[in-house]
Amino acid sequence: MPSEEEILDKVRGTLVDALGVDDDEVTPSATLIGDLEAESIDFLDIVFRLEKSFDIKIPRGELFPENLASADSGFVAGGKVTAEGLEELRRKMPYADLDSFAKDPVVSRISDLYTVGMIARFIAARLK
């Protein structure tokens, strides 16, 4: 199995290719949407490229869970993710850093969970 650093390097290369960003922008804490300016269509390309790069299959919605914060999900109240919603995020995204998000679980901040480091941790878990 590749080391954490090797996984991070491959993830970095994948994101540079998929998003057309500079290598130095792709740090573990960089957010896909806020920092690297990824759009929703880019997420499909990123998953495809990761599958190819790491020779794995990533089922739809596994890396980037869908509709967790929609109004009808039952996990949002008053513009914030509920305690039940946080538990669902922890269950579906165990590789994301939810501790800082949980301090102020505003729905608009969910995209900040999608970081380069989160992707690397997801890949590392899949390769085990």
C-alpha atoms as a PDB file:
ATOM      1  CA  MET A   1       0.000   0.000   0.000  1.00  0.00           C
ATOM      2  CA  PRO A   2       1.301   3.490  -0.785  1.00  0.00           C
ATOM      3  CA  SER A   3       2.323   5.786   2.063  1.00  0.00           C
ATOM      4  CA  GLU A   4       0.157   8.735   3.150  1.00  0.00           C
ATOM      5  CA  GLU A   5       2.569  11.085   1.370  1.00  0.00           C
ATOM      6  CA  GLU A   6       2.397   9.042  -1.853  1.00  0.00           C
ATOM      7  CA  ILE A   7      -1.396   9.073  -1.691  1.00  0.00           C
ATOM      8  CA  LEU A   8      -1.434  12.833  -1.093  1.00  0.00           C
ATOM      9  CA  ASP A   9       0.939  13.391  -4.026  1.00  0.00           C
ATOM     10  CA  LYS A  10      -1.293  11.355  -6.355  1.00  0.00           C
ATOM     11  CA  VAL A  11      -4.416  13.152  -5.118  1.00  0.00           C
ATOM     12  CA  ARG A  12      -2.640  16.478  -5.644  1.00  0.00           C
ATOM     13  CA  GLY A  13      -1.720  15.519  -9.212  1.00  0.00           C
ATOM     14  CA  THR A  14      -5.255  14.365  -9.898  1.00  0.00           C
ATOM     15  CA  LEU A  15      -6.711  17.663  -8.701  1.00  0.00           C
ATOM     16  CA  VAL A  16      -4.152  19.722 -10.621  1.00  0.00           C
ATOM     17  CA  ASP A  17      -5.161  17.869 -13.801  1.00  0.00           C
ATOM     18  CA  ALA A  18      -8.908  17.957 -13.126  1.00  0.00           C
ATOM     19  CA  LEU A  19      -9.158  21.576 -12.008  1.00  0.00           C
ATOM     20  CA  GLY A  20      -6.281  23.223 -13.872  1.00  0.00           C
ATOM     21  CA  VAL A  21      -4.829  24.710 -10.672  1.00  0.00           C
ATOM     22  CA  ASP A  22      -1.219  25.157  -9.653  1.00  0.00           C
ATOM     23  CA  ASP A  23       0.402  22.390  -7.613  1.00  0.00           C
ATOM     24  CA  ASP A  24       1.236  24.766  -4.755  1.00  0.00           C
ATOM     25  CA  GLU A  25      -2.476  25.611  -4.327  1.00  0.00           C
ATOM     26  CA  VAL A  26      -3.346  21.970  -3.624  1.00  0.00           C
ATOM     27  CA  THR A  27      -2.530  21.728   0.074  1.00  0.00           C
ATOM     28  CA  PRO A  28      -4.175  19.258   2.490  1.00  0.00           C
ATOM     29  CA  SER A  29      -6.358  22.021   3.973  1.00  0.00           C
ATOM     30  CA  ALA A  30      -7.411  23.515   0.626  1.00  0.00           C
ATOM     31  CA  THR A  31     -11.153  23.289   0.044  1.00  0.00           C
ATOM     32  CA  LEU A  32     -12.278  22.072  -3.353  1.00  0.00           C
ATOM     33  CA  ILE A  33     -14.935  24.722  -3.875  1.00  0.00           C
ATOM     34  CA  GLY A  34     -13.672  27.723  -1.905  1.00  0.00           C
ATOM     35  CA  ASP A  35      -9.936  27.478  -2.555  1.00  0.00           C
ATOM     36  CA  LEU A  36      -9.632  25.453  -5.761  1.00  0.00           C
ATOM     37  CA  GLU A  37     -12.854  26.776  -7.345  1.00  0.00           C
ATOM     38  CA  ALA A  38     -14.241  23.354  -8.238  1.00  0.00           C
ATOM     39  CA  GLU A  39     -17.799  23.240  -9.520  1.00  0.00           C
ATOM     40  CA  SER A  40     -20.305  20.428  -9.095  1.00  0.00           C
ATOM     41  CA  ILE A  41     -19.522  19.008 -12.549  1.00  0.00           C
ATOM     42  CA  ASP A  42     -15.845  18.786 -11.524  1.00  0.00           C
ATOM     43  CA  PHE A  43     -16.711  16.328  -8.749  1.00  0.00           C
ATOM     44  CA  LEU A  44     -17.642  13.660 -11.302  1.00  0.00           C
ATOM     45  CA  ASP A  45     -14.370  14.189 -13.141  1.00  0.00           C
ATOM     46  CA  ILE A  46     -12.406  14.072  -9.883  1.00  0.00           C
ATOM     47  CA  VAL A  47     -14.012  10.747  -8.909  1.00  0.00           C
ATOM     48  CA  PHE A  48     -13.316   9.302 -12.376  1.00  0.00           C
ATOM     49  CA  ARG A  49      -9.683  10.411 -12.264  1.00  0.00           C
ATOM     50  CA  LEU A  50      -9.194   9.078  -8.714  1.00  0.00           C
ATOM     51  CA  GLU A  51     -10.621   5.705  -9.732  1.00  0.00           C
ATOM     52  CA  LYS A  52      -8.218   5.552 -12.661  1.00  0.00           C
ATOM     53  CA  SER A  53      -5.208   6.821 -10.712  1.00  0.00           C
ATOM     54  CA  PHE A  54      -5.664   4.456  -7.759  1.00  0.00           C
ATOM     55  CA  ASP A  55      -7.300   1.550  -9.635  1.00  0.00           C
ATOM     56  CA  ILE A  56     -10.341   1.549  -7.333  1.00  0.00           C
ATOM     57  CA  LYS A  57     -14.100   1.877  -7.746  1.00  0.00           C
ATOM     58  CA  ILE A  58     -15.846   4.712  -5.907  1.00  0.00           C
ATOM     59  CA  PRO A  59     -19.630   4.250  -5.803  1.00  0.00           C
ATOM     60  CA  ARG A  60     -21.702   7.350  -6.535  1.00  0.00           C
ATOM     61  CA  GLY A  61     -22.235   9.464  -3.446  1.00  0.00           C
ATOM     62  CA  GLU A  62     -19.593   7.701  -1.369  1.00  0.00           C
ATOM     63  CA  LEU A  63     -16.812  10.287  -1.613  1.00  0.00           C
ATOM     64  CA  PHE A  64     -19.149  13.251  -2.009  1.00  0.00           C
ATOM     65  CA  PRO A  65     -22.453  12.368  -0.272  1.00  0.00           C
ATOM     66  CA  GLU A  66     -25.476  13.964  -1.882  1.00  0.00           C
ATOM     67  CA  ASN A  67     -28.503  15.743  -0.443  1.00  0.00           C
ATOM     68  CA  LEU A  68     -27.441  15.566   3.202  1.00  0.00           C
ATOM     69  CA  ALA A  69     -28.267  19.203   3.768  1.00  0.00           C
ATOM     70  CA  SER A  70     -31.310  19.616   1.574  1.00  0.00           C
ATOM     71  CA  ALA A  71     -34.348  21.191   3.185  1.00  0.00           C
ATOM     72  CA  ASP A  72     -36.308  17.926   3.032  1.00  0.00           C
ATOM     73  CA  SER A  73     -33.523  15.745   4.450  1.00  0.00           C
ATOM     74  CA  GLY A  74     -34.674  16.302   8.034  1.00  0.00           C
ATOM     75  CA  PHE A  75     -31.093  17.159   8.979  1.00  0.00           C
ATOM     76  CA  VAL A  76     -31.376  20.950   8.723  1.00  0.00           C
ATOM     77  CA  ALA A  77     -33.202  23.452  10.913  1.00  0.00           C
ATOM     78  CA  GLY A  78     -32.832  27.219  10.870  1.00  0.00           C
ATOM     79  CA  GLY A  79     -30.012  27.105   8.334  1.00  0.00           C
ATOM     80  CA  LYS A  80     -27.908  24.814  10.497  1.00  0.00           C
ATOM     81  CA  VAL A  81     -27.196  21.099  10.416  1.00  0.00           C
ATOM     82  CA  THR A  82     -28.962  19.428  13.342  1.00  0.00           C
ATOM     83  CA  ALA A  83     -27.338  17.060  15.829  1.00  0.00           C
ATOM     84  CA  GLU A  84     -28.892  14.170  13.874  1.00  0.00           C
ATOM     85  CA  GLY A  85     -27.477  15.661  10.682  1.00  0.00           C
ATOM     86  CA  LEU A  86     -24.015  15.870  12.216  1.00  0.00           C
ATOM     87  CA  GLU A  87     -24.232  12.208  13.171  1.00  0.00           C
ATOM     88  CA  GLU A  88     -25.274  11.356   9.615  1.00  0.00           C
ATOM     89  CA  LEU A  89     -22.321  13.364   8.275  1.00  0.00           C
ATOM     90  CA  ARG A  90     -19.986  11.488  10.642  1.00  0.00           C
ATOM     91  CA  ARG A  91     -21.416   8.186   9.435  1.00  0.00           C
ATOM     92  CA  LYS A  92     -21.220   9.038   5.725  1.00  0.00           C
ATOM     93  CA  MET A  93     -17.992  11.038   5.881  1.00  0.00           C
ATOM     94  CA  PRO A  94     -15.766   9.476   8.558  1.00  0.00           C
ATOM     95  CA  TYR A  95     -12.690  10.829   6.749  1.00  0.00           C
ATOM     96  CA  ALA A  96     -13.857  14.487   6.961  1.00  0.00           C
ATOM     97  CA  ASP A  97     -12.823  16.865   9.745  1.00  0.00           C
ATOM     98  CA  LEU A  98     -16.224  17.440  11.313  1.00  0.00           C
ATOM     99  CA  ASP A  99     -15.011  18.724  14.683  1.00  0.00           C
ATOM    100  CA  SER A 100     -14.466  22.320  13.568  1.00  0.00           C
ATOM    101  CA  PHE A 101     -17.613  22.263  11.408  1.00  0.00           C
ATOM    102  CA  ALA A 102     -19.695  21.014  14.363  1.00  0.00           C
ATOM    103  CA  LYS A 103     -18.828  24.176  16.344  1.00  0.00           C
ATOM    104  CA  ASP A 104     -20.787  26.254  13.803  1.00  0.00           C
ATOM    105  CA  PRO A 105     -22.723  23.830  11.565  1.00  0.00           C
ATOM    106  CA  VAL A 106     -24.104  26.398   9.127  1.00  0.00           C
ATOM    107  CA  VAL A 107     -25.341  24.646   5.999  1.00  0.00           C
ATOM    108  CA  SER A 108     -23.372  26.961   3.707  1.00  0.00           C
ATOM    109  CA  ARG A 109     -20.134  25.685   5.313  1.00  0.00           C
ATOM    110  CA  ILE A 110     -20.681  22.036   4.360  1.00  0.00           C
ATOM    111  CA  SER A 111     -18.622  22.520   1.206  1.00  0.00           C
ATOM    112  CA  ASP A 112     -15.647  23.384   3.449  1.00  0.00           C
ATOM    113  CA  LEU A 113     -15.583  19.709   4.492  1.00  0.00           C
ATOM    114  CA  TYR A 114     -14.436  18.750   0.996  1.00  0.00           C
ATOM    115  CA  THR A 115     -10.694  19.268   1.316  1.00  0.00           C
ATOM    116  CA  VAL A 116      -7.663  17.758  -0.355  1.00  0.00           C
ATOM    117  CA  GLY A 117      -6.806  16.052   2.943  1.00  0.00           C
ATOM    118  CA  MET A 118     -10.308  14.571   3.181  1.00  0.00           C
ATOM    119  CA  ILE A 119      -9.898  13.011  -0.253  1.00  0.00           C
ATOM    120  CA  ALA A 120      -6.466  11.611   0.684  1.00  0.00           C
ATOM    121  CA  ARG A 121      -7.878  10.079   3.897  1.00  0.00           C
ATOM    122  CA  PHE A 122     -10.779   8.586   1.933  1.00  0.00           C
ATOM    123  CA  ILE A 123      -8.385   7.031  -0.600  1.00  0.00           C
ATOM    124  CA  ALA A 124      -6.130   5.691   2.170  1.00  0.00           C
ATOM    125  CA  ALA A 125      -9.130   4.046   3.835  1.00  0.00           C
ATOM    126  CA  ARG A 126     -10.251   2.515   0.520  1.00  0.00           C
ATOM    127  CA  LEU A 127      -6.804   1.104  -0.183  1.00  0.00           C
ATOM    128  CA  LYS A 128      -6.615  -0.713   3.182  1.00  0.00           C
END
